[in-house]
Amino acid sequence: MRTTLTLDPDVAAKARRGAAKLGKPFKSVINSALRIGLDEVLKPAAAKPYRTKPRPMGLRPGLNYDNIGELLAQIEGEDYR
């Protein structure tokens, strides 16, 4: 596809130097750079890891936390199973 593209002078100079260095046509260097650049630009941003802040909840007085079965029976009644 033929289209007109206006490059900034520094970008055009860098592309011409790259084409000369690689011994490839200017058009080929521009197409390769656009492919790489567009893949990078269109890549979704990395999501921040989800973090929670722990908060002390304390222990309720009168409950025995050593025996889970007994604790569930006290809180939910004998039909917890």
N, C-alpha and C. Protein backbone atom coordinates (compact mmCIF):
# COMPACT_ATOMS: atom_id res chain seq x y z
N MET A 1 0.84 -1.16 0.00
CA MET A 1 0.00 0.00 0.00
C MET A 1 0.90 1.24 0.00
N ARG A 2 0.60 2.14 -0.82
CA ARG A 2 1.39 3.37 -0.91
C ARG A 2 0.68 4.45 -0.10
N THR A 3 1.46 5.14 0.73
CA THR A 3 0.92 6.23 1.53
C THR A 3 2.02 7.25 1.77
N THR A 4 1.62 8.45 2.11
CA THR A 4 2.60 9.49 2.40
C THR A 4 2.75 9.57 3.91
N LEU A 5 3.98 9.60 4.35
CA LEU A 5 4.28 9.64 5.77
C LEU A 5 5.31 10.73 6.01
N THR A 6 5.03 11.62 6.92
CA THR A 6 5.98 12.69 7.23
C THR A 6 6.77 12.29 8.47
N LEU A 7 8.07 12.14 8.30
CA LEU A 7 8.95 11.76 9.41
C LEU A 7 9.64 13.00 9.95
N ASP A 8 9.84 13.00 11.26
CA ASP A 8 10.65 14.07 11.84
C ASP A 8 12.08 13.91 11.32
N PRO A 9 12.79 15.03 11.18
CA PRO A 9 14.15 14.97 10.61
C PRO A 9 15.08 14.00 11.34
N ASP A 10 15.02 13.96 12.67
CA ASP A 10 15.90 13.06 13.41
C ASP A 10 15.56 11.59 13.17
N VAL A 11 14.26 11.29 13.02
CA VAL A 11 13.82 9.92 12.76
C VAL A 11 14.25 9.50 11.35
N ALA A 12 14.07 10.38 10.39
CA ALA A 12 14.46 10.07 9.01
C ALA A 12 15.97 9.84 8.92
N ALA A 13 16.75 10.68 9.60
CA ALA A 13 18.20 10.52 9.57
C ALA A 13 18.62 9.20 10.21
N LYS A 14 18.00 8.87 11.32
CA LYS A 14 18.32 7.61 12.00
C LYS A 14 17.95 6.41 11.12
N ALA A 15 16.81 6.48 10.45
CA ALA A 15 16.39 5.39 9.56
C ALA A 15 17.34 5.27 8.37
N ARG A 16 17.78 6.39 7.82
CA ARG A 16 18.72 6.34 6.68
C ARG A 16 20.06 5.75 7.12
N ARG A 17 20.53 6.14 8.31
CA ARG A 17 21.79 5.56 8.83
C ARG A 17 21.63 4.06 9.05
N GLY A 18 20.49 3.66 9.59
CA GLY A 18 20.22 2.23 9.82
C GLY A 18 20.17 1.45 8.52
N ALA A 19 19.54 2.04 7.50
CA ALA A 19 19.46 1.37 6.20
C ALA A 19 20.85 1.21 5.60
N ALA A 20 21.67 2.24 5.71
CA ALA A 20 23.04 2.17 5.17
C ALA A 20 23.86 1.13 5.94
N LYS A 21 23.71 1.13 7.25
CA LYS A 21 24.47 0.20 8.09
C LYS A 21 24.08 -1.25 7.80
N LEU A 22 22.78 -1.49 7.64
CA LEU A 22 22.30 -2.86 7.39
C LEU A 22 22.38 -3.26 5.92
N GLY A 23 22.57 -2.29 5.06
CA GLY A 23 22.59 -2.59 3.62
C GLY A 23 21.22 -2.99 3.10
N LYS A 24 20.18 -2.45 3.73
CA LYS A 24 18.80 -2.74 3.32
C LYS A 24 18.16 -1.47 2.81
N PRO A 25 17.11 -1.61 2.01
CA PRO A 25 16.40 -0.42 1.52
C PRO A 25 15.74 0.35 2.67
N PHE A 26 15.66 1.65 2.49
CA PHE A 26 15.03 2.55 3.48
C PHE A 26 13.62 2.08 3.81
N LYS A 27 12.86 1.71 2.80
CA LYS A 27 11.48 1.25 2.97
C LYS A 27 11.43 0.02 3.87
N SER A 28 12.35 -0.90 3.70
CA SER A 28 12.39 -2.12 4.50
C SER A 28 12.69 -1.81 5.97
N VAL A 29 13.62 -0.89 6.20
CA VAL A 29 13.97 -0.51 7.57
C VAL A 29 12.78 0.16 8.25
N ILE A 30 12.10 1.05 7.55
CA ILE A 30 10.93 1.74 8.10
C ILE A 30 9.83 0.73 8.43
N ASN A 31 9.54 -0.20 7.52
CA ASN A 31 8.51 -1.22 7.76
C ASN A 31 8.86 -2.09 8.97
N SER A 32 10.11 -2.50 9.09
CA SER A 32 10.53 -3.32 10.23
C SER A 32 10.38 -2.55 11.54
N ALA A 33 10.82 -1.31 11.53
CA ALA A 33 10.73 -0.48 12.74
C ALA A 33 9.26 -0.24 13.13
N LEU A 34 8.41 -0.02 12.15
CA LEU A 34 6.99 0.18 12.45
C LEU A 34 6.35 -1.08 13.02
N ARG A 35 6.71 -2.24 12.47
CA ARG A 35 6.16 -3.50 13.00
C ARG A 35 6.54 -3.67 14.47
N ILE A 36 7.82 -3.48 14.77
CA ILE A 36 8.29 -3.64 16.15
C ILE A 36 7.65 -2.57 17.04
N GLY A 37 7.65 -1.35 16.58
CA GLY A 37 7.10 -0.25 17.38
C GLY A 37 5.61 -0.38 17.62
N LEU A 38 4.85 -0.78 16.61
CA LEU A 38 3.41 -0.93 16.77
C LEU A 38 3.08 -2.07 17.72
N ASP A 39 3.84 -3.17 17.63
CA ASP A 39 3.62 -4.26 18.58
C ASP A 39 3.83 -3.79 20.01
N GLU A 40 4.85 -2.98 20.21
CA GLU A 40 5.16 -2.47 21.55
C GLU A 40 4.11 -1.46 22.01
N VAL A 41 3.69 -0.58 21.13
CA VAL A 41 2.72 0.45 21.49
C VAL A 41 1.34 -0.15 21.77
N LEU A 42 0.95 -1.17 21.02
CA LEU A 42 -0.38 -1.74 21.16
C LEU A 42 -0.47 -2.83 22.23
N LYS A 43 0.68 -3.19 22.83
CA LYS A 43 0.68 -4.20 23.89
C LYS A 43 -0.03 -3.63 25.11
N PRO A 44 -0.92 -4.43 25.73
CA PRO A 44 -1.62 -3.91 26.90
C PRO A 44 -0.63 -3.63 28.04
N ALA A 45 -0.96 -2.64 28.82
CA ALA A 45 -0.09 -2.28 29.95
C ALA A 45 -0.09 -3.40 30.98
N ALA A 46 1.03 -3.60 31.60
CA ALA A 46 1.14 -4.63 32.63
C ALA A 46 0.28 -4.24 33.82
N ALA A 47 -0.47 -5.20 34.31
CA ALA A 47 -1.33 -4.95 35.46
C ALA A 47 -0.50 -4.92 36.73
N LYS A 48 -0.87 -4.04 37.62
CA LYS A 48 -0.19 -3.98 38.91
C LYS A 48 -0.60 -5.20 39.73
N PRO A 49 0.33 -5.79 40.45
CA PRO A 49 -0.05 -6.92 41.29
C PRO A 49 -1.02 -6.50 42.38
N TYR A 50 -1.97 -7.33 42.65
CA TYR A 50 -2.97 -7.04 43.67
C TYR A 50 -2.37 -7.31 45.04
N ARG A 51 -2.45 -6.34 45.90
CA ARG A 51 -1.89 -6.47 47.25
C ARG A 51 -2.96 -6.09 48.26
N THR A 52 -2.97 -6.83 49.35
CA THR A 52 -3.85 -6.48 50.46
C THR A 52 -3.00 -6.11 51.66
N LYS A 53 -3.54 -5.27 52.47
CA LYS A 53 -2.83 -4.87 53.68
C LYS A 53 -3.43 -5.66 54.85
N PRO A 54 -2.64 -6.46 55.51
CA PRO A 54 -3.17 -7.22 56.65
C PRO A 54 -3.48 -6.29 57.81
N ARG A 55 -4.52 -6.61 58.51
CA ARG A 55 -4.90 -5.82 59.67
C ARG A 55 -5.14 -6.79 60.84
N PRO A 56 -4.68 -6.44 62.01
CA PRO A 56 -4.91 -7.33 63.15
C PRO A 56 -6.40 -7.35 63.49
N MET A 57 -6.94 -8.55 63.63
CA MET A 57 -8.36 -8.68 63.94
C MET A 57 -8.58 -9.04 65.40
N GLY A 58 -7.52 -9.46 66.05
CA GLY A 58 -7.63 -9.79 67.46
C GLY A 58 -8.38 -11.09 67.67
N LEU A 59 -8.35 -11.56 68.87
CA LEU A 59 -9.05 -12.79 69.25
C LEU A 59 -10.23 -12.42 70.14
N ARG A 60 -11.34 -13.10 69.93
CA ARG A 60 -12.51 -12.84 70.77
C ARG A 60 -12.35 -13.57 72.09
N PRO A 61 -12.55 -12.89 73.18
CA PRO A 61 -12.40 -13.55 74.48
C PRO A 61 -13.44 -14.63 74.67
N GLY A 62 -13.02 -15.71 75.31
CA GLY A 62 -13.94 -16.80 75.62
C GLY A 62 -14.00 -17.88 74.55
N LEU A 63 -13.30 -17.71 73.42
CA LEU A 63 -13.30 -18.73 72.37
C LEU A 63 -11.96 -19.43 72.33
N ASN A 64 -11.99 -20.75 72.17
CA ASN A 64 -10.78 -21.54 72.10
C ASN A 64 -10.44 -21.76 70.63
N TYR A 65 -9.35 -21.21 70.18
CA TYR A 65 -8.97 -21.29 68.77
C TYR A 65 -8.10 -22.51 68.47
N ASP A 66 -7.82 -23.33 69.47
CA ASP A 66 -6.99 -24.52 69.27
C ASP A 66 -7.78 -25.68 68.68
N ASN A 67 -9.09 -25.73 68.92
CA ASN A 67 -9.92 -26.82 68.44
C ASN A 67 -10.99 -26.23 67.51
N ILE A 68 -10.78 -26.39 66.21
CA ILE A 68 -11.68 -25.79 65.21
C ILE A 68 -13.09 -26.36 65.30
N GLY A 69 -13.20 -27.66 65.53
CA GLY A 69 -14.52 -28.29 65.63
C GLY A 69 -15.32 -27.70 66.77
N GLU A 70 -14.69 -27.53 67.91
CA GLU A 70 -15.37 -26.95 69.08
C GLU A 70 -15.73 -25.48 68.81
N LEU A 71 -14.84 -24.78 68.17
CA LEU A 71 -15.08 -23.38 67.84
C LEU A 71 -16.29 -23.24 66.91
N LEU A 72 -16.35 -24.06 65.85
CA LEU A 72 -17.49 -24.02 64.93
C LEU A 72 -18.79 -24.38 65.65
N ALA A 73 -18.73 -25.36 66.55
CA ALA A 73 -19.92 -25.74 67.29
C ALA A 73 -20.41 -24.59 68.15
N GLN A 74 -19.48 -23.85 68.77
CA GLN A 74 -19.87 -22.71 69.61
C GLN A 74 -20.48 -21.59 68.77
N ILE A 75 -19.91 -21.34 67.61
CA ILE A 75 -20.35 -20.20 66.81
C ILE A 75 -21.60 -20.53 65.99
N GLU A 76 -21.61 -21.70 65.31
CA GLU A 76 -22.69 -22.03 64.39
C GLU A 76 -23.70 -23.01 64.97
N GLY A 77 -23.43 -23.52 66.11
CA GLY A 77 -24.33 -24.50 66.70
C GLY A 77 -23.85 -25.90 66.33
N GLU A 78 -24.48 -26.89 66.90
CA GLU A 78 -24.05 -28.28 66.70
C GLU A 78 -24.32 -28.79 65.29
N ASP A 79 -25.13 -28.12 64.49
CA ASP A 79 -25.48 -28.57 63.13
C ASP A 79 -24.55 -28.00 62.09
N TYR A 80 -23.35 -27.58 62.44
CA TYR A 80 -22.43 -26.96 61.48
C TYR A 80 -21.94 -27.92 60.41
N ARG A 81 -22.01 -29.22 60.70
CA ARG A 81 -21.50 -30.22 59.74
C ARG A 81 -22.51 -30.41 58.68
